[in-house]
Amino acid sequence: MTSSKKKKYTKKQIEYSDPERFVQAWQEAEYLDDLSLRTGFPKPTLRQRAYNYRKHGVKLKSLFSVQGSRAGRKGYDWDSLSELAASYDEK
């Protein structure tokens, strides 16, 4: 017996399958995580789709995950955050 599993798409995924809706959602999103929640697609799928669009000349902005490579560049006060974390040990 062979079982054929057909992927079932959600209403959100079908809605954002439209190229114009995808570009609009991408450009409006602050983080890749937000876009994933909004569209219902996993982050790797969204990254691949954006890569393909860029290959065809669509100038999409860069999106990062909330905990992604950009987090360390925001100018956080790491010493202050360490002190905050340590203060919970004292309680």
N, C-alpha and C. Protein backbone atom coordinates (compact mmCIF):
# COMPACT_ATOMS: atom_id res chain seq x y z
N MET A 1 0.82 -1.19 0.00
CA MET A 1 0.00 0.00 0.00
C MET A 1 0.86 1.25 0.00
N THR A 2 0.51 2.17 -0.81
CA THR A 2 1.22 3.45 -0.81
C THR A 2 0.29 4.51 -0.24
N SER A 3 0.85 5.30 0.59
CA SER A 3 0.05 6.39 1.15
C SER A 3 0.57 7.70 0.57
N SER A 4 -0.33 8.42 -0.03
CA SER A 4 0.07 9.72 -0.58
C SER A 4 -0.42 10.80 0.37
N LYS A 5 0.53 11.52 0.89
CA LYS A 5 0.19 12.61 1.80
C LYS A 5 0.19 13.91 1.02
N LYS A 6 -0.95 14.50 0.94
CA LYS A 6 -1.07 15.80 0.28
C LYS A 6 -0.98 16.86 1.35
N LYS A 7 -0.13 17.84 1.11
CA LYS A 7 0.00 18.93 2.06
C LYS A 7 -1.25 19.78 1.99
N LYS A 8 -1.82 20.03 3.15
CA LYS A 8 -2.99 20.88 3.22
C LYS A 8 -2.56 22.26 3.67
N TYR A 9 -2.93 23.25 2.90
CA TYR A 9 -2.58 24.62 3.22
C TYR A 9 -3.71 25.28 4.00
N THR A 10 -3.32 26.16 4.91
CA THR A 10 -4.31 26.90 5.68
C THR A 10 -4.84 28.06 4.84
N LYS A 11 -5.92 28.66 5.31
CA LYS A 11 -6.47 29.82 4.60
C LYS A 11 -5.45 30.96 4.54
N LYS A 12 -4.70 31.13 5.66
CA LYS A 12 -3.67 32.18 5.70
C LYS A 12 -2.62 31.92 4.64
N GLN A 13 -2.16 30.68 4.53
CA GLN A 13 -1.12 30.35 3.57
C GLN A 13 -1.61 30.57 2.14
N ILE A 14 -2.84 30.20 1.88
CA ILE A 14 -3.40 30.41 0.54
C ILE A 14 -3.47 31.90 0.23
N GLU A 15 -3.90 32.69 1.22
CA GLU A 15 -4.00 34.14 1.03
C GLU A 15 -2.64 34.76 0.70
N TYR A 16 -1.59 34.32 1.42
CA TYR A 16 -0.27 34.92 1.22
C TYR A 16 0.54 34.22 0.13
N SER A 17 -0.07 33.28 -0.57
CA SER A 17 0.59 32.67 -1.72
C SER A 17 0.60 33.64 -2.90
N ASP A 18 -0.31 34.59 -2.89
CA ASP A 18 -0.35 35.61 -3.92
C ASP A 18 0.92 36.46 -3.83
N PRO A 19 1.68 36.61 -4.92
CA PRO A 19 2.94 37.35 -4.87
C PRO A 19 2.82 38.78 -4.33
N GLU A 20 1.78 39.48 -4.72
CA GLU A 20 1.63 40.87 -4.25
C GLU A 20 1.36 40.91 -2.74
N ARG A 21 0.55 39.99 -2.24
CA ARG A 21 0.27 39.93 -0.80
C ARG A 21 1.54 39.56 -0.03
N PHE A 22 2.34 38.66 -0.60
CA PHE A 22 3.58 38.26 0.04
C PHE A 22 4.55 39.44 0.16
N VAL A 23 4.74 40.17 -0.94
CA VAL A 23 5.65 41.32 -0.93
C VAL A 23 5.16 42.37 0.06
N GLN A 24 3.88 42.62 0.05
CA GLN A 24 3.30 43.60 0.97
C GLN A 24 3.53 43.18 2.42
N ALA A 25 3.27 41.93 2.73
CA ALA A 25 3.45 41.43 4.10
C ALA A 25 4.92 41.46 4.50
N TRP A 26 5.81 41.10 3.58
CA TRP A 26 7.26 41.10 3.87
C TRP A 26 7.73 42.51 4.22
N GLN A 27 7.34 43.48 3.39
CA GLN A 27 7.79 44.85 3.58
C GLN A 27 7.19 45.49 4.85
N GLU A 28 6.04 45.02 5.27
CA GLU A 28 5.39 45.58 6.47
C GLU A 28 5.88 44.92 7.75
N ALA A 29 6.47 43.74 7.67
CA ALA A 29 6.90 43.00 8.86
C ALA A 29 8.15 43.62 9.46
N GLU A 30 8.24 43.56 10.79
CA GLU A 30 9.43 44.04 11.48
C GLU A 30 10.45 42.92 11.64
N TYR A 31 9.95 41.72 11.88
CA TYR A 31 10.81 40.55 12.06
C TYR A 31 10.26 39.38 11.26
N LEU A 32 11.14 38.46 10.95
CA LEU A 32 10.75 37.26 10.23
C LEU A 32 9.74 36.44 11.05
N ASP A 33 9.91 36.46 12.37
CA ASP A 33 8.98 35.73 13.26
C ASP A 33 7.56 36.26 13.09
N ASP A 34 7.43 37.59 13.01
CA ASP A 34 6.11 38.21 12.83
C ASP A 34 5.49 37.76 11.51
N LEU A 35 6.30 37.74 10.48
CA LEU A 35 5.81 37.35 9.16
C LEU A 35 5.37 35.89 9.15
N SER A 36 6.12 35.05 9.84
CA SER A 36 5.77 33.63 9.93
C SER A 36 4.41 33.45 10.61
N LEU A 37 4.20 34.19 11.68
CA LEU A 37 2.90 34.11 12.37
C LEU A 37 1.78 34.65 11.50
N ARG A 38 2.06 35.72 10.80
CA ARG A 38 1.04 36.36 9.97
C ARG A 38 0.63 35.50 8.79
N THR A 39 1.61 34.84 8.16
CA THR A 39 1.33 34.09 6.93
C THR A 39 1.07 32.60 7.16
N GLY A 40 1.56 32.07 8.29
CA GLY A 40 1.40 30.64 8.54
C GLY A 40 2.49 29.79 7.92
N PHE A 41 3.46 30.41 7.24
CA PHE A 41 4.56 29.68 6.63
C PHE A 41 5.75 29.62 7.59
N PRO A 42 6.50 28.53 7.57
CA PRO A 42 7.71 28.46 8.40
C PRO A 42 8.77 29.44 7.90
N LYS A 43 9.64 29.88 8.81
CA LYS A 43 10.68 30.87 8.45
C LYS A 43 11.57 30.42 7.29
N PRO A 44 12.03 29.15 7.24
CA PRO A 44 12.86 28.76 6.10
C PRO A 44 12.14 28.89 4.75
N THR A 45 10.86 28.62 4.73
CA THR A 45 10.07 28.76 3.50
C THR A 45 10.01 30.23 3.08
N LEU A 46 9.82 31.11 4.06
CA LEU A 46 9.75 32.54 3.76
C LEU A 46 11.09 33.06 3.25
N ARG A 47 12.18 32.62 3.89
CA ARG A 47 13.52 33.04 3.44
C ARG A 47 13.78 32.60 2.00
N GLN A 48 13.41 31.36 1.68
CA GLN A 48 13.63 30.84 0.33
C GLN A 48 12.80 31.61 -0.69
N ARG A 49 11.58 31.91 -0.33
CA ARG A 49 10.72 32.65 -1.24
C ARG A 49 11.28 34.05 -1.49
N ALA A 50 11.75 34.70 -0.42
CA ALA A 50 12.34 36.03 -0.56
C ALA A 50 13.59 35.97 -1.44
N TYR A 51 14.40 34.92 -1.25
CA TYR A 51 15.61 34.73 -2.07
C TYR A 51 15.22 34.64 -3.55
N ASN A 52 14.20 33.87 -3.85
CA ASN A 52 13.76 33.73 -5.24
C ASN A 52 13.26 35.06 -5.81
N TYR A 53 12.53 35.81 -5.03
CA TYR A 53 12.03 37.10 -5.49
C TYR A 53 13.21 38.05 -5.76
N ARG A 54 14.18 38.05 -4.87
CA ARG A 54 15.35 38.92 -5.05
C ARG A 54 16.12 38.53 -6.30
N LYS A 55 16.20 37.24 -6.58
CA LYS A 55 16.87 36.76 -7.79
C LYS A 55 16.24 37.36 -9.05
N HIS A 56 14.95 37.63 -8.96
CA HIS A 56 14.23 38.20 -10.10
C HIS A 56 14.13 39.72 -10.03
N GLY A 57 14.91 40.33 -9.14
CA GLY A 57 15.00 41.78 -9.10
C GLY A 57 14.07 42.49 -8.13
N VAL A 58 13.30 41.75 -7.34
CA VAL A 58 12.42 42.37 -6.36
C VAL A 58 13.26 42.77 -5.15
N LYS A 59 13.27 44.05 -4.82
CA LYS A 59 14.13 44.56 -3.75
C LYS A 59 13.41 44.50 -2.41
N LEU A 60 13.45 43.32 -1.80
CA LEU A 60 12.84 43.14 -0.49
C LEU A 60 13.83 43.56 0.59
N LYS A 61 13.31 44.15 1.66
CA LYS A 61 14.18 44.55 2.77
C LYS A 61 14.70 43.31 3.50
N SER A 62 15.73 43.49 4.29
CA SER A 62 16.28 42.40 5.08
C SER A 62 15.42 42.20 6.31
N LEU A 63 15.08 40.96 6.59
CA LEU A 63 14.34 40.62 7.80
C LEU A 63 15.15 39.62 8.60
N PHE A 64 15.16 39.78 9.90
CA PHE A 64 15.88 38.88 10.78
C PHE A 64 14.91 38.31 11.79
N SER A 65 15.27 37.20 12.38
CA SER A 65 14.49 36.64 13.48
C SER A 65 14.73 37.51 14.71
N VAL A 66 13.80 37.48 15.62
CA VAL A 66 13.93 38.27 16.84
C VAL A 66 15.22 37.90 17.56
N GLN A 67 15.55 36.62 17.62
CA GLN A 67 16.74 36.17 18.29
C GLN A 67 17.88 35.93 17.30
N GLY A 68 17.76 36.48 16.11
CA GLY A 68 18.72 36.21 15.05
C GLY A 68 20.01 36.99 15.17
N SER A 69 20.73 37.02 14.09
CA SER A 69 22.08 37.59 14.06
C SER A 69 22.12 39.08 14.36
N ARG A 70 21.01 39.73 14.29
CA ARG A 70 20.99 41.17 14.48
C ARG A 70 20.93 41.57 15.95
N ALA A 71 20.52 40.66 16.81
CA ALA A 71 20.28 40.99 18.22
C ALA A 71 21.50 41.59 18.90
N GLY A 72 22.68 41.08 18.61
CA GLY A 72 23.89 41.57 19.26
C GLY A 72 24.34 42.94 18.78
N ARG A 73 23.77 43.42 17.70
CA ARG A 73 24.19 44.70 17.13
C ARG A 73 23.30 45.86 17.54
N LYS A 74 22.33 45.64 18.39
CA LYS A 74 21.39 46.70 18.73
C LYS A 74 21.91 47.64 19.80
N GLY A 75 23.08 47.38 20.32
CA GLY A 75 23.62 48.27 21.32
C GLY A 75 23.06 48.02 22.70
N TYR A 76 22.75 46.78 23.00
CA TYR A 76 22.27 46.46 24.35
C TYR A 76 23.36 46.74 25.36
N ASP A 77 22.97 47.12 26.55
CA ASP A 77 23.90 47.32 27.65
C ASP A 77 24.04 45.96 28.35
N TRP A 78 24.99 45.17 27.90
CA TRP A 78 25.14 43.80 28.38
C TRP A 78 25.50 43.74 29.86
N ASP A 79 26.29 44.71 30.34
CA ASP A 79 26.63 44.72 31.76
C ASP A 79 25.38 44.94 32.62
N SER A 80 24.56 45.85 32.19
CA SER A 80 23.32 46.13 32.91
C SER A 80 22.39 44.91 32.91
N LEU A 81 22.32 44.23 31.78
CA LEU A 81 21.48 43.04 31.69
C LEU A 81 22.02 41.92 32.58
N SER A 82 23.33 41.81 32.66
CA SER A 82 23.95 40.80 33.53
C SER A 82 23.63 41.09 34.99
N GLU A 83 23.71 42.36 35.36
CA GLU A 83 23.39 42.75 36.73
C GLU A 83 21.92 42.46 37.04
N LEU A 84 21.06 42.73 36.09
CA LEU A 84 19.63 42.46 36.28
C LEU A 84 19.40 40.97 36.51
N ALA A 85 20.03 40.13 35.69
CA ALA A 85 19.88 38.68 35.84
C ALA A 85 20.42 38.22 37.18
N ALA A 86 21.56 38.76 37.59
CA ALA A 86 22.18 38.37 38.87
C ALA A 86 21.32 38.80 40.06
N SER A 87 20.59 39.91 39.90
CA SER A 87 19.77 40.39 41.01
C SER A 87 18.67 39.38 41.37
N TYR A 88 18.28 38.54 40.44
CA TYR A 88 17.27 37.53 40.73
C TYR A 88 17.85 36.39 41.55
N ASP A 89 19.15 36.16 41.47
CA ASP A 89 19.82 35.13 42.28
C ASP A 89 19.82 35.52 43.75
N GLU A 90 19.84 36.83 44.01
CA GLU A 90 19.93 37.34 45.38
C GLU A 90 18.60 37.28 46.11
N LYS A 91 17.53 37.15 45.38
CA LYS A 91 16.19 37.17 46.00
C LYS A 91 15.80 35.83 46.54
